Amino acid sequence: MPRPLVLVVGTVALFAITAAIMLRFMPGPLKDSDYLVVGSVSTLVALGALFVALISTTMKSSDVFFKKRRKK
């Protein structure tokens, strides 16, 4: 499997797992705002994991967020 496909499938799976766990443990009856919270937290977790995976696999340099300027 190509790496981008693995990242996409992993991110979607993590989103679904996080949403399922949160829906399982949220006290019922659920309102519309509860579903909004579940979706927001699941999105945050999935995008955070995707960010960490991309930084750790793609960017191998020690200064990922900083670039040194050339001296004039």
Protein backbone atom coordinates (compact mmCIF):
# COMPACT_ATOMS: atom_id res chain seq x y z
CA MET A 1 0.00 0.00 0.00
CA PRO A 2 1.33 3.49 -0.76
CA ARG A 3 2.16 5.63 2.26
CA PRO A 4 -0.43 8.40 1.63
CA LEU A 5 -3.19 5.81 1.45
CA VAL A 6 -2.04 4.28 4.73
CA LEU A 7 -2.06 7.70 6.39
CA VAL A 8 -5.57 8.46 5.14
CA VAL A 9 -6.97 5.08 6.16
CA GLY A 10 -5.27 5.31 9.56
CA THR A 11 -6.60 8.79 10.18
CA VAL A 12 -10.15 7.85 9.24
CA ALA A 13 -9.95 4.73 11.42
CA LEU A 14 -8.66 6.76 14.36
CA PHE A 15 -11.50 9.26 13.87
CA ALA A 16 -14.09 6.46 13.88
CA ILE A 17 -12.59 4.74 16.91
CA THR A 18 -12.42 7.98 18.89
CA ALA A 19 -16.02 8.86 17.99
CA ALA A 20 -17.25 5.38 18.93
CA ILE A 21 -15.47 5.46 22.29
CA MET A 22 -16.81 8.90 23.11
CA LEU A 23 -20.36 7.99 22.09
CA ARG A 24 -20.14 4.88 24.24
CA PHE A 25 -19.11 6.74 27.38
CA MET A 26 -21.21 9.91 27.00
CA PRO A 27 -24.20 9.84 29.34
CA GLY A 28 -27.50 9.65 27.51
CA PRO A 29 -29.82 10.95 26.23
CA LEU A 30 -27.57 12.70 23.75
CA LYS A 31 -28.41 16.15 22.39
CA ASP A 32 -27.21 17.76 19.18
CA SER A 33 -24.48 19.61 21.08
CA ASP A 34 -23.14 16.29 22.41
CA TYR A 35 -22.68 15.01 18.87
CA LEU A 36 -20.94 18.28 18.01
CA VAL A 37 -18.49 17.78 20.89
CA VAL A 38 -17.84 14.16 19.88
CA GLY A 39 -17.15 15.14 16.29
CA SER A 40 -14.93 18.05 17.28
CA VAL A 41 -12.80 16.02 19.69
CA SER A 42 -12.53 13.14 17.21
CA THR A 43 -11.40 15.54 14.49
CA LEU A 44 -8.84 17.11 16.81
CA VAL A 45 -7.40 13.72 17.77
CA ALA A 46 -7.28 12.46 14.17
CA LEU A 47 -5.65 15.63 12.81
CA GLY A 48 -3.18 15.70 15.70
CA ALA A 49 -2.15 12.12 15.01
CA LEU A 50 -1.85 12.87 11.29
CA PHE A 51 0.34 15.89 12.05
CA VAL A 52 2.63 13.85 14.31
CA ALA A 53 2.84 11.05 11.74
CA LEU A 54 3.72 13.45 8.94
CA ILE A 55 6.32 15.28 11.01
CA SER A 56 7.96 12.09 12.25
CA THR A 57 8.08 10.33 8.87
CA THR A 58 8.48 13.10 6.29
CA MET A 59 10.56 15.73 8.05
CA LYS A 60 13.71 14.02 9.25
CA SER A 61 15.72 17.17 9.99
CA SER A 62 16.25 18.35 13.55
CA ASP A 63 14.77 21.81 12.89
CA VAL A 64 11.34 21.05 11.49
CA PHE A 65 9.71 24.35 12.40
CA PHE A 66 12.67 26.69 12.00
CA LYS A 67 14.70 27.48 8.95
CA LYS A 68 18.05 29.20 9.22
CA ARG A 69 18.50 32.27 7.07
CA ARG A 70 21.46 32.67 4.85
CA LYS A 71 23.80 35.42 5.92
CA LYS A 72 24.13 38.21 3.39
